């Protein structure tokens, strides 16, 4: 909660925007993570890169992993998410995430 200039309490809704890297299986996830990291000059093995990206607030993993990460942000007070497509031809990633969210949330 925040206070305005007249000291009235108001609620602020927090949203989060950023890229996401999602794949149905670990091997294709590794390829996507490597491609993302290469574009940004990041180095390291796949697991280290995934950890670094998650520490930066990027949703990375299988659809199930992503749901768990998003739940963590919701617990911290985030009310909405806006995902940036890095690879606009990878519409399957968004479909997988949406399908998983519908089943799990």
Foldseek 3Di string as FASTA:
>chain_A
DDADPVRDDDDDAAAEEEAEQEDQDDVVLQVSLVVVCVVVVHDDHSVVSVVVCVVVVYHGYYLVSSVVSVVVVVVVRHDYYHHDDPPVVPVVRVVRNVVVVVVPD
